[in-house]
């Protein structure tokens, strides 16, 4: 175990409890340390967990009390140091989650806690813990992603579409480059469900999702809005691409129908709106209402300009 003249740094209150303290922290999964609370920081104790967690020895940490700062991800270091300074000035416990880049390891997320502890003689030290929370962050990221994805098709859901399309609309207005919004409504999905079962109806929706993936670019936003309706936001489009993309979509539909040989003939109606930010300033809602109107005109067989 590494210390720097531990008995001279620790007051009598800490000395009486040090063996008990070490037994607890060295059996924990988190890395722990004790550091003096004065202006000149001096590391008193570092638990052995720092080595597997960060790839650095206890002696490394003992010699350099602020070694952990050097490993903080560049995008996080400013926030972490600001929060730490605030906690020290107010006397409040410090807690932060941030990314670190350890020696000889991939980046990981840690939760860092720091709180003052006082011994019987009134001496104050700071007790810090560093816990690897990378798995929890992965789960949180996955749950966030699931909140924006349609479970059946794997496309974005309406919530995800609205958020991403709003971002792209703002970018479109800033750059002056056009964009294309398409709404696609599957024809007679209820008939497919009633005649062949909901499993076939679900398959029809998955087929449409696959069709969209093959017909549009990876940079375009594809979503199932719910039920039988899909939405596409095609970035950096021009007026000519409006007709071209619809032609490609229907051509790929015919290819898919021939390849899959489903017991029904899949079809859908499309409403497409080209948005030119240099000529008009429309909201996403207004664009969707315009595309929705065109889609239902096509579904009813009315001529679409």
C-alpha atoms as a PDB file:
ATOM      1  CA  UNK A   1       0.000   0.000   0.000  1.00  0.00           C
ATOM      2  CA  UNK A   2       1.316   3.473  -0.893  1.00  0.00           C
ATOM      3  CA  UNK A   3       1.326   6.421   1.482  1.00  0.00           C
ATOM      4  CA  UNK A   4       3.479   9.483   2.007  1.00  0.00           C
ATOM      5  CA  UNK A   5       4.452   9.546   5.708  1.00  0.00           C
ATOM      6  CA  UNK A   6       0.895   8.600   6.490  1.00  0.00           C
ATOM      7  CA  UNK A   7       1.210   8.768  10.281  1.00  0.00           C
ATOM      8  CA  UNK A   8       2.520  12.324  10.122  1.00  0.00           C
ATOM      9  CA  UNK A   9      -0.253  13.508   7.842  1.00  0.00           C
ATOM     10  CA  UNK A  10      -3.161  11.748   9.503  1.00  0.00           C
ATOM     11  CA  UNK A  11      -4.364  13.072  12.810  1.00  0.00           C
ATOM     12  CA  UNK A  12      -4.953  10.761  15.757  1.00  0.00           C
ATOM     13  CA  UNK A  13      -8.636  10.409  14.901  1.00  0.00           C
ATOM     14  CA  UNK A  14      -7.792   9.123  11.460  1.00  0.00           C
ATOM     15  CA  UNK A  15      -5.020   6.864  12.728  1.00  0.00           C
ATOM     16  CA  UNK A  16      -7.429   5.023  15.006  1.00  0.00           C
ATOM     17  CA  UNK A  17      -9.753   4.282  12.095  1.00  0.00           C
ATOM     18  CA  UNK A  18      -7.244   3.896   9.245  1.00  0.00           C
ATOM     19  CA  UNK A  19      -7.122   0.091   9.270  1.00  0.00           C
ATOM     20  CA  UNK A  20     -10.904  -0.114   9.214  1.00  0.00           C
ATOM     21  CA  UNK A  21     -11.046   2.501   6.433  1.00  0.00           C
ATOM     22  CA  UNK A  22      -8.494   0.664   4.287  1.00  0.00           C
ATOM     23  CA  UNK A  23     -10.240  -2.659   4.749  1.00  0.00           C
ATOM     24  CA  UNK A  24     -13.443  -1.139   3.392  1.00  0.00           C
ATOM     25  CA  UNK A  25     -12.066   0.820   0.431  1.00  0.00           C
ATOM     26  CA  UNK A  26      -9.669  -1.888  -0.712  1.00  0.00           C
ATOM     27  CA  UNK A  27     -12.545  -4.344  -0.904  1.00  0.00           C
ATOM     28  CA  UNK A  28     -14.652  -1.984  -2.996  1.00  0.00           C
ATOM     29  CA  UNK A  29     -14.904  -1.843  -6.779  1.00  0.00           C
ATOM     30  CA  UNK A  30     -14.348   1.920  -6.920  1.00  0.00           C
ATOM     31  CA  UNK A  31     -10.967   3.578  -6.574  1.00  0.00           C
ATOM     32  CA  UNK A  32     -10.676   5.738  -3.457  1.00  0.00           C
ATOM     33  CA  UNK A  33      -8.206   8.302  -2.190  1.00  0.00           C
ATOM     34  CA  UNK A  34      -7.601  10.697   0.687  1.00  0.00           C
ATOM     35  CA  UNK A  35      -6.083  14.104   0.052  1.00  0.00           C
ATOM     36  CA  UNK A  36      -5.322  17.066   2.289  1.00  0.00           C
ATOM     37  CA  UNK A  37      -7.846  19.881   2.128  1.00  0.00           C
ATOM     38  CA  UNK A  38      -5.376  22.769   2.206  1.00  0.00           C
ATOM     39  CA  UNK A  39      -4.127  24.934  -0.642  1.00  0.00           C
ATOM     40  CA  UNK A  40      -1.137  22.610  -1.079  1.00  0.00           C
ATOM     41  CA  UNK A  41      -2.700  19.291  -1.940  1.00  0.00           C
ATOM     42  CA  UNK A  42      -0.947  16.215  -0.588  1.00  0.00           C
ATOM     43  CA  UNK A  43      -2.119  12.713  -1.333  1.00  0.00           C
ATOM     44  CA  UNK A  44      -2.463  10.677   1.858  1.00  0.00           C
ATOM     45  CA  UNK A  45      -3.806   7.391   0.569  1.00  0.00           C
ATOM     46  CA  UNK A  46      -4.727   5.792  -2.764  1.00  0.00           C
ATOM     47  CA  UNK A  47      -6.522   2.462  -3.037  1.00  0.00           C
ATOM     48  CA  UNK A  48      -5.069  -0.249  -5.305  1.00  0.00           C
ATOM     49  CA  UNK A  49      -8.077  -0.072  -7.674  1.00  0.00           C
ATOM     50  CA  UNK A  50      -6.495   2.900  -9.462  1.00  0.00           C
ATOM     51  CA  UNK A  51      -4.137   0.564 -11.309  1.00  0.00           C
ATOM     52  CA  UNK A  52      -6.656  -1.693 -13.119  1.00  0.00           C
ATOM     53  CA  UNK A  53      -9.024   1.244 -13.587  1.00  0.00           C
ATOM     54  CA  UNK A  54      -6.609   3.821 -14.976  1.00  0.00           C
ATOM     55  CA  UNK A  55      -3.446   1.875 -15.808  1.00  0.00           C
ATOM     56  CA  UNK A  56      -1.355   3.886 -13.341  1.00  0.00           C
ATOM     57  CA  UNK A  57       0.264   2.713 -10.119  1.00  0.00           C
ATOM     58  CA  UNK A  58      -0.547   3.897  -6.619  1.00  0.00           C
ATOM     59  CA  UNK A  59       2.900   5.487  -6.466  1.00  0.00           C
ATOM     60  CA  UNK A  60       2.107   7.508  -9.602  1.00  0.00           C
ATOM     61  CA  UNK A  61      -0.975   8.896  -7.899  1.00  0.00           C
ATOM     62  CA  UNK A  62       0.840   9.567  -4.634  1.00  0.00           C
ATOM     63  CA  UNK A  63       3.505  11.627  -6.391  1.00  0.00           C
ATOM     64  CA  UNK A  64       1.017  13.601  -8.503  1.00  0.00           C
ATOM     65  CA  UNK A  65      -2.194  14.415  -6.587  1.00  0.00           C
ATOM     66  CA  UNK A  66      -3.850  15.956  -9.657  1.00  0.00           C
ATOM     67  CA  UNK A  67      -2.919  13.158 -12.024  1.00  0.00           C
ATOM     68  CA  UNK A  68      -6.605  12.436 -12.645  1.00  0.00           C
ATOM     69  CA  UNK A  69      -7.031  15.886 -14.234  1.00  0.00           C
ATOM     70  CA  UNK A  70      -4.568  14.996 -17.003  1.00  0.00           C
ATOM     71  CA  UNK A  71      -6.767  12.060 -18.059  1.00  0.00           C
ATOM     72  CA  UNK A  72     -10.045  13.985 -18.373  1.00  0.00           C
ATOM     73  CA  UNK A  73     -11.420  14.176 -21.902  1.00  0.00           C
ATOM     74  CA  UNK A  74     -10.700  17.577 -23.469  1.00  0.00           C
ATOM     75  CA  UNK A  75     -14.419  18.273 -23.957  1.00  0.00           C
ATOM     76  CA  UNK A  76     -15.152  17.668 -20.262  1.00  0.00           C
ATOM     77  CA  UNK A  77     -12.174  19.118 -18.384  1.00  0.00           C
ATOM     78  CA  UNK A  78     -13.410  22.724 -18.246  1.00  0.00           C
ATOM     79  CA  UNK A  79     -16.785  21.747 -16.806  1.00  0.00           C
ATOM     80  CA  UNK A  80     -15.283  19.359 -14.258  1.00  0.00           C
ATOM     81  CA  UNK A  81     -12.718  21.835 -12.923  1.00  0.00           C
ATOM     82  CA  UNK A  82     -15.338  24.588 -12.702  1.00  0.00           C
ATOM     83  CA  UNK A  83     -17.689  22.332 -10.738  1.00  0.00           C
ATOM     84  CA  UNK A  84     -14.844  21.231  -8.469  1.00  0.00           C
ATOM     85  CA  UNK A  85     -13.830  24.823  -7.708  1.00  0.00           C
ATOM     86  CA  UNK A  86     -17.451  25.702  -6.952  1.00  0.00           C
ATOM     87  CA  UNK A  87     -17.803  22.743  -4.581  1.00  0.00           C
ATOM     88  CA  UNK A  88     -14.610  23.642  -2.730  1.00  0.00           C
ATOM     89  CA  UNK A  89     -15.611  27.290  -2.352  1.00  0.00           C
ATOM     90  CA  UNK A  90     -19.064  26.425  -0.997  1.00  0.00           C
ATOM     91  CA  UNK A  91     -18.006  23.441   1.091  1.00  0.00           C
ATOM     92  CA  UNK A  92     -20.538  21.257  -0.706  1.00  0.00           C
ATOM     93  CA  UNK A  93     -19.740  17.659  -1.740  1.00  0.00           C
ATOM     94  CA  UNK A  94     -18.508  17.337  -5.324  1.00  0.00           C
ATOM     95  CA  UNK A  95     -20.059  14.917  -7.788  1.00  0.00           C
ATOM     96  CA  UNK A  96     -19.394  14.760 -11.513  1.00  0.00           C
ATOM     97  CA  UNK A  97     -19.646  12.305 -14.400  1.00  0.00           C
ATOM     98  CA  UNK A  98     -17.092  12.679 -17.153  1.00  0.00           C
ATOM     99  CA  UNK A  99     -14.954  10.838 -19.669  1.00  0.00           C
ATOM    100  CA  UNK A 100     -11.335   9.916 -19.070  1.00  0.00           C
ATOM    101  CA  UNK A 101      -8.676   8.521 -21.363  1.00  0.00           C
ATOM    102  CA  UNK A 102      -6.572   6.194 -19.178  1.00  0.00           C
ATOM    103  CA  UNK A 103      -3.122   4.909 -19.952  1.00  0.00           C
ATOM    104  CA  UNK A 104      -3.283   1.769 -22.130  1.00  0.00           C
ATOM    105  CA  UNK A 105      -7.099   1.627 -22.031  1.00  0.00           C
ATOM    106  CA  UNK A 106     -10.022   2.772 -24.097  1.00  0.00           C
ATOM    107  CA  UNK A 107     -11.985   5.806 -23.008  1.00  0.00           C
ATOM    108  CA  UNK A 108     -14.297   5.218 -20.055  1.00  0.00           C
ATOM    109  CA  UNK A 109     -16.896   7.130 -18.098  1.00  0.00           C
ATOM    110  CA  UNK A 110     -16.311   7.726 -14.402  1.00  0.00           C
ATOM    111  CA  UNK A 111     -18.357   9.077 -11.549  1.00  0.00           C
ATOM    112  CA  UNK A 112     -16.162  11.184  -9.286  1.00  0.00           C
ATOM    113  CA  UNK A 113     -17.271  12.054  -5.762  1.00  0.00           C
ATOM    114  CA  UNK A 114     -15.353  14.166  -3.276  1.00  0.00           C
ATOM    115  CA  UNK A 115     -16.463  15.075   0.246  1.00  0.00           C
ATOM    116  CA  UNK A 116     -14.761  16.403   3.392  1.00  0.00           C
ATOM    117  CA  UNK A 117     -14.295  14.107   6.384  1.00  0.00           C
ATOM    118  CA  UNK A 118     -13.188  15.219   9.842  1.00  0.00           C
ATOM    119  CA  UNK A 119     -11.274  13.268  12.469  1.00  0.00           C
ATOM    120  CA  UNK A 120     -11.561  13.493  16.244  1.00  0.00           C
ATOM    121  CA  UNK A 121      -8.833  16.147  16.406  1.00  0.00           C
ATOM    122  CA  UNK A 122     -10.665  18.375  13.917  1.00  0.00           C
ATOM    123  CA  UNK A 123      -8.317  17.725  11.014  1.00  0.00           C
ATOM    124  CA  UNK A 124     -10.053  17.755   7.623  1.00  0.00           C
ATOM    125  CA  UNK A 125      -9.261  15.592   4.622  1.00  0.00           C
ATOM    126  CA  UNK A 126     -11.090  15.076   1.358  1.00  0.00           C
ATOM    127  CA  UNK A 127     -12.306  11.567   0.566  1.00  0.00           C
ATOM    128  CA  UNK A 128     -12.612  10.904  -3.144  1.00  0.00           C
ATOM    129  CA  UNK A 129     -14.059   7.956  -5.056  1.00  0.00           C
ATOM    130  CA  UNK A 130     -13.792   7.193  -8.760  1.00  0.00           C
ATOM    131  CA  UNK A 131     -16.191   4.606 -10.180  1.00  0.00           C
ATOM    132  CA  UNK A 132     -16.288   3.141 -13.682  1.00  0.00           C
ATOM    133  CA  UNK A 133     -19.821   3.866 -14.982  1.00  0.00           C
ATOM    134  CA  UNK A 134     -19.127   3.055 -18.647  1.00  0.00           C
ATOM    135  CA  UNK A 135     -21.637   0.191 -18.767  1.00  0.00           C
ATOM    136  CA  UNK A 136     -24.345   2.359 -17.231  1.00  0.00           C
ATOM    137  CA  UNK A 137     -23.661   5.063 -19.808  1.00  0.00           C
ATOM    138  CA  UNK A 138     -23.917   2.495 -22.608  1.00  0.00           C
ATOM    139  CA  UNK A 139     -27.291   1.368 -21.269  1.00  0.00           C
ATOM    140  CA  UNK A 140     -28.479   4.974 -20.950  1.00  0.00           C
ATOM    141  CA  UNK A 141     -27.382   5.717 -24.525  1.00  0.00           C
ATOM    142  CA  UNK A 142     -29.189   2.605 -25.754  1.00  0.00           C
ATOM    143  CA  UNK A 143     -32.369   3.584 -23.904  1.00  0.00           C
ATOM    144  CA  UNK A 144     -32.185   7.114 -25.308  1.00  0.00           C
ATOM    145  CA  UNK A 145     -31.780   5.684 -28.786  1.00  0.00           C
ATOM    146  CA  UNK A 146     -34.707   3.322 -28.286  1.00  0.00           C
ATOM    147  CA  UNK A 147     -36.878   6.279 -27.272  1.00  0.00           C
ATOM    148  CA  UNK A 148     -36.381   7.681 -30.779  1.00  0.00           C
ATOM    149  CA  UNK A 149     -36.656   4.425 -32.747  1.00  0.00           C
ATOM    150  CA  UNK A 150     -39.635   2.487 -34.037  1.00  0.00           C
ATOM    151  CA  UNK A 151     -39.385  -1.016 -32.622  1.00  0.00           C
ATOM    152  CA  UNK A 152     -41.021  -2.758 -35.584  1.00  0.00           C
ATOM    153  CA  UNK A 153     -39.015  -1.242 -38.438  1.00  0.00           C
ATOM    154  CA  UNK A 154     -35.851   0.092 -36.812  1.00  0.00           C
ATOM    155  CA  UNK A 155     -36.456   3.499 -38.406  1.00  0.00           C
ATOM    156  CA  UNK A 156     -36.852   6.645 -36.336  1.00  0.00           C
ATOM    157  CA  UNK A 157     -40.248   7.114 -34.745  1.00  0.00           C
ATOM    158  CA  UNK A 158     -42.226  10.355 -34.991  1.00  0.00           C
ATOM    159  CA  UNK A 159     -40.472  11.817 -31.966  1.00  0.00           C
ATOM    160  CA  UNK A 160     -37.062  11.114 -33.436  1.00  0.00           C
ATOM    161  CA  UNK A 161     -38.104  12.412 -36.846  1.00  0.00           C
ATOM    162  CA  UNK A 162     -39.437  15.707 -35.516  1.00  0.00           C
ATOM    163  CA  UNK A 163     -36.302  16.371 -33.491  1.00  0.00           C
ATOM    164  CA  UNK A 164     -33.878  15.581 -36.316  1.00  0.00           C
ATOM    165  CA  UNK A 165     -35.955  17.236 -39.038  1.00  0.00           C
ATOM    166  CA  UNK A 166     -36.168  20.445 -36.978  1.00  0.00           C
ATOM    167  CA  UNK A 167     -32.375  20.456 -36.738  1.00  0.00           C
ATOM    168  CA  UNK A 168     -32.035  19.910 -40.478  1.00  0.00           C
ATOM    169  CA  UNK A 169     -34.619  22.596 -41.232  1.00  0.00           C
ATOM    170  CA  UNK A 170     -32.606  25.100 -39.200  1.00  0.00           C
ATOM    171  CA  UNK A 171     -29.449  24.061 -41.056  1.00  0.00           C
ATOM    172  CA  UNK A 172     -31.260  24.322 -44.391  1.00  0.00           C
ATOM    173  CA  UNK A 173     -32.336  27.884 -43.640  1.00  0.00           C
ATOM    174  CA  UNK A 174     -28.807  28.815 -42.584  1.00  0.00           C
ATOM    175  CA  UNK A 175     -27.063  27.326 -45.631  1.00  0.00           C
ATOM    176  CA  UNK A 176     -29.728  28.221 -48.183  1.00  0.00           C
ATOM    177  CA  UNK A 177     -29.700  24.691 -49.595  1.00  0.00           C
ATOM    178  CA  UNK A 178     -32.994  23.045 -50.414  1.00  0.00           C
ATOM    179  CA  UNK A 179     -34.551  20.001 -48.791  1.00  0.00           C
ATOM    180  CA  UNK A 180     -37.308  17.556 -49.617  1.00  0.00           C
ATOM    181  CA  UNK A 181     -40.029  16.270 -47.304  1.00  0.00           C
ATOM    182  CA  UNK A 182     -41.968  13.159 -48.270  1.00  0.00           C
ATOM    183  CA  UNK A 183     -44.851  11.512 -46.448  1.00  0.00           C
ATOM    184  CA  UNK A 184     -45.650   7.934 -47.468  1.00  0.00           C
ATOM    185  CA  UNK A 185     -48.929   6.240 -46.546  1.00  0.00           C
ATOM    186  CA  UNK A 186     -49.302   2.483 -47.108  1.00  0.00           C
ATOM    187  CA  UNK A 187     -52.495   1.706 -49.008  1.00  0.00           C
ATOM    188  CA  UNK A 188     -55.030  -0.738 -47.568  1.00  0.00           C
ATOM    189  CA  UNK A 189     -52.950  -1.893 -44.606  1.00  0.00           C
ATOM    190  CA  UNK A 190     -56.168  -2.766 -42.785  1.00  0.00           C
ATOM    191  CA  UNK A 191     -57.170  -5.043 -45.655  1.00  0.00           C
ATOM    192  CA  UNK A 192     -53.814  -6.832 -45.429  1.00  0.00           C
ATOM    193  CA  UNK A 193     -54.246  -7.256 -41.661  1.00  0.00           C
ATOM    194  CA  UNK A 194     -57.820  -8.521 -41.973  1.00  0.00           C
ATOM    195  CA  UNK A 195     -57.142 -10.855 -44.896  1.00  0.00           C
ATOM    196  CA  UNK A 196     -53.732 -12.282 -44.045  1.00  0.00           C
ATOM    197  CA  UNK A 197     -53.199 -11.532 -40.345  1.00  0.00           C
ATOM    198  CA  UNK A 198     -51.336  -8.852 -38.471  1.00  0.00           C
ATOM    199  CA  UNK A 199     -48.044 -10.678 -38.945  1.00  0.00           C
ATOM    200  CA  UNK A 200     -48.361  -9.998 -42.678  1.00  0.00           C
ATOM    201  CA  UNK A 201     -49.317  -6.396 -41.982  1.00  0.00           C
ATOM    202  CA  UNK A 202     -46.195  -6.026 -39.861  1.00  0.00           C
ATOM    203  CA  UNK A 203     -44.148  -7.599 -42.634  1.00  0.00           C
ATOM    204  CA  UNK A 204     -45.577  -5.085 -45.097  1.00  0.00           C
ATOM    205  CA  UNK A 205     -44.409  -2.248 -42.856  1.00  0.00           C
ATOM    206  CA  UNK A 206     -40.947  -3.795 -42.556  1.00  0.00           C
ATOM    207  CA  UNK A 207     -40.839  -4.152 -46.349  1.00  0.00           C
ATOM    208  CA  UNK A 208     -41.613  -0.451 -46.749  1.00  0.00           C
ATOM    209  CA  UNK A 209     -38.873   0.407 -44.249  1.00  0.00           C
ATOM    210  CA  UNK A 210     -36.355  -1.690 -46.204  1.00  0.00           C
ATOM    211  CA  UNK A 211     -37.530  -0.071 -49.417  1.00  0.00           C
ATOM    212  CA  UNK A 212     -36.890   3.400 -47.999  1.00  0.00           C
ATOM    213  CA  UNK A 213     -33.411   2.389 -46.846  1.00  0.00           C
ATOM    214  CA  UNK A 214     -32.554   1.203 -50.371  1.00  0.00           C
ATOM    215  CA  UNK A 215     -34.087   4.246 -52.049  1.00  0.00           C
ATOM    216  CA  UNK A 216     -32.598   7.087 -50.006  1.00  0.00           C
ATOM    217  CA  UNK A 217     -29.159   8.130 -48.807  1.00  0.00           C
ATOM    218  CA  UNK A 218     -27.692   7.374 -45.417  1.00  0.00           C
ATOM    219  CA  UNK A 219     -27.740  11.100 -44.615  1.00  0.00           C
ATOM    220  CA  UNK A 220     -31.514  11.325 -45.133  1.00  0.00           C
ATOM    221  CA  UNK A 221     -33.876  10.972 -42.168  1.00  0.00           C
ATOM    222  CA  UNK A 222     -36.226   7.987 -42.443  1.00  0.00           C
ATOM    223  CA  UNK A 223     -39.050   7.410 -39.982  1.00  0.00           C
ATOM    224  CA  UNK A 224     -42.226   5.534 -39.329  1.00  0.00           C
ATOM    225  CA  UNK A 225     -44.609   8.096 -37.900  1.00  0.00           C
ATOM    226  CA  UNK A 226     -46.986   5.438 -36.655  1.00  0.00           C
ATOM    227  CA  UNK A 227     -49.621   3.149 -38.120  1.00  0.00           C
ATOM    228  CA  UNK A 228     -49.214   3.045 -41.885  1.00  0.00           C
ATOM    229  CA  UNK A 229     -47.437   6.387 -42.344  1.00  0.00           C
ATOM    230  CA  UNK A 230     -43.751   7.058 -42.981  1.00  0.00           C
ATOM    231  CA  UNK A 231     -41.763  10.257 -43.308  1.00  0.00           C
ATOM    232  CA  UNK A 232     -38.543  11.156 -45.114  1.00  0.00           C
ATOM    233  CA  UNK A 233     -36.454  14.296 -44.886  1.00  0.00           C
ATOM    234  CA  UNK A 234     -34.016  14.347 -47.808  1.00  0.00           C
ATOM    235  CA  UNK A 235     -31.173  16.780 -47.206  1.00  0.00           C
ATOM    236  CA  UNK A 236     -29.553  19.068 -49.788  1.00  0.00           C
ATOM    237  CA  UNK A 237     -32.173  18.405 -52.451  1.00  0.00           C
ATOM    238  CA  UNK A 238     -33.179  20.414 -55.515  1.00  0.00           C
ATOM    239  CA  UNK A 239     -36.522  20.740 -57.368  1.00  0.00           C
ATOM    240  CA  UNK A 240     -35.552  18.090 -59.921  1.00  0.00           C
ATOM    241  CA  UNK A 241     -34.870  15.527 -57.210  1.00  0.00           C
ATOM    242  CA  UNK A 242     -38.490  15.681 -56.048  1.00  0.00           C
ATOM    243  CA  UNK A 243     -39.768  13.783 -59.068  1.00  0.00           C
ATOM    244  CA  UNK A 244     -36.606  11.713 -59.443  1.00  0.00           C
ATOM    245  CA  UNK A 245     -36.761  10.327 -55.901  1.00  0.00           C
ATOM    246  CA  UNK A 246     -40.429   9.426 -56.231  1.00  0.00           C
ATOM    247  CA  UNK A 247     -39.726   7.668 -59.527  1.00  0.00           C
ATOM    248  CA  UNK A 248     -36.904   5.714 -57.908  1.00  0.00           C
ATOM    249  CA  UNK A 249     -39.122   4.824 -54.955  1.00  0.00           C
ATOM    250  CA  UNK A 250     -41.897   3.391 -57.149  1.00  0.00           C
ATOM    251  CA  UNK A 251     -39.401   1.588 -59.377  1.00  0.00           C
ATOM    252  CA  UNK A 252     -37.786  -0.045 -56.351  1.00  0.00           C
ATOM    253  CA  UNK A 253     -41.245  -0.971 -55.084  1.00  0.00           C
ATOM    254  CA  UNK A 254     -41.923  -2.947 -58.266  1.00  0.00           C
ATOM    255  CA  UNK A 255     -38.580  -4.714 -57.918  1.00  0.00           C
ATOM    256  CA  UNK A 256     -39.359  -5.589 -54.302  1.00  0.00           C
ATOM    257  CA  UNK A 257     -42.850  -6.874 -55.146  1.00  0.00           C
ATOM    258  CA  UNK A 258     -41.381  -9.202 -57.750  1.00  0.00           C
ATOM    259  CA  UNK A 259     -38.623 -10.399 -55.406  1.00  0.00           C
ATOM    260  CA  UNK A 260     -40.692 -10.990 -52.252  1.00  0.00           C
ATOM    261  CA  UNK A 261     -43.848 -12.458 -53.872  1.00  0.00           C
ATOM    262  CA  UNK A 262     -46.101 -11.554 -50.935  1.00  0.00           C
ATOM    263  CA  UNK A 263     -49.723 -12.799 -51.060  1.00  0.00           C
ATOM    264  CA  UNK A 264     -50.864  -9.190 -51.598  1.00  0.00           C
ATOM    265  CA  UNK A 265     -49.732  -6.323 -53.795  1.00  0.00           C
ATOM    266  CA  UNK A 266     -48.102  -3.612 -51.718  1.00  0.00           C
ATOM    267  CA  UNK A 267     -48.737  -0.005 -52.700  1.00  0.00           C
ATOM    268  CA  UNK A 268     -48.542   3.414 -51.102  1.00  0.00           C
ATOM    269  CA  UNK A 269     -49.332   7.066 -51.707  1.00  0.00           C
ATOM    270  CA  UNK A 270     -46.683   9.783 -51.521  1.00  0.00           C
ATOM    271  CA  UNK A 271     -46.907  13.482 -50.796  1.00  0.00           C
ATOM    272  CA  UNK A 272     -43.677  15.331 -51.582  1.00  0.00           C
ATOM    273  CA  UNK A 273     -42.799  18.957 -50.866  1.00  0.00           C
ATOM    274  CA  UNK A 274     -39.628  20.726 -51.952  1.00  0.00           C
ATOM    275  CA  UNK A 275     -38.504  23.456 -49.586  1.00  0.00           C
ATOM    276  CA  UNK A 276     -36.411  26.332 -50.936  1.00  0.00           C
ATOM    277  CA  UNK A 277     -35.249  28.465 -47.984  1.00  0.00           C
ATOM    278  CA  UNK A 278     -34.270  31.306 -50.318  1.00  0.00           C
ATOM    279  CA  UNK A 279     -37.883  31.747 -51.438  1.00  0.00           C
ATOM    280  CA  UNK A 280     -40.010  31.015 -48.361  1.00  0.00           C
ATOM    281  CA  UNK A 281     -39.706  30.643 -44.608  1.00  0.00           C
ATOM    282  CA  UNK A 282     -41.883  27.747 -43.450  1.00  0.00           C
ATOM    283  CA  UNK A 283     -42.049  25.777 -40.223  1.00  0.00           C
ATOM    284  CA  UNK A 284     -41.722  22.007 -40.147  1.00  0.00           C
ATOM    285  CA  UNK A 285     -45.387  21.789 -39.194  1.00  0.00           C
ATOM    286  CA  UNK A 286     -46.412  23.818 -42.249  1.00  0.00           C
ATOM    287  CA  UNK A 287     -44.292  21.640 -44.532  1.00  0.00           C
ATOM    288  CA  UNK A 288     -45.772  18.463 -43.061  1.00  0.00           C
ATOM    289  CA  UNK A 289     -49.317  19.777 -43.487  1.00  0.00           C
ATOM    290  CA  UNK A 290     -48.583  20.593 -47.130  1.00  0.00           C
ATOM    291  CA  UNK A 291     -47.075  17.143 -47.768  1.00  0.00           C
ATOM    292  CA  UNK A 292     -49.957  15.470 -45.934  1.00  0.00           C
ATOM    293  CA  UNK A 293     -52.508  17.260 -48.122  1.00  0.00           C
ATOM    294  CA  UNK A 294     -50.691  16.204 -51.294  1.00  0.00           C
ATOM    295  CA  UNK A 295     -50.453  12.619 -50.061  1.00  0.00           C
ATOM    296  CA  UNK A 296     -54.189  12.335 -49.455  1.00  0.00           C
ATOM    297  CA  UNK A 297     -54.984  13.977 -52.790  1.00  0.00           C
ATOM    298  CA  UNK A 298     -52.914  11.259 -54.448  1.00  0.00           C
ATOM    299  CA  UNK A 299     -54.586   8.557 -52.360  1.00  0.00           C
ATOM    300  CA  UNK A 300     -58.012   9.807 -53.454  1.00  0.00           C
ATOM    301  CA  UNK A 301     -56.908   9.868 -57.079  1.00  0.00           C
ATOM    302  CA  UNK A 302     -56.977  13.630 -57.441  1.00  0.00           C
ATOM    303  CA  UNK A 303     -54.417  15.266 -59.753  1.00  0.00           C
ATOM    304  CA  UNK A 304     -51.340  16.466 -57.881  1.00  0.00           C
ATOM    305  CA  UNK A 305     -49.462  19.474 -59.213  1.00  0.00           C
END
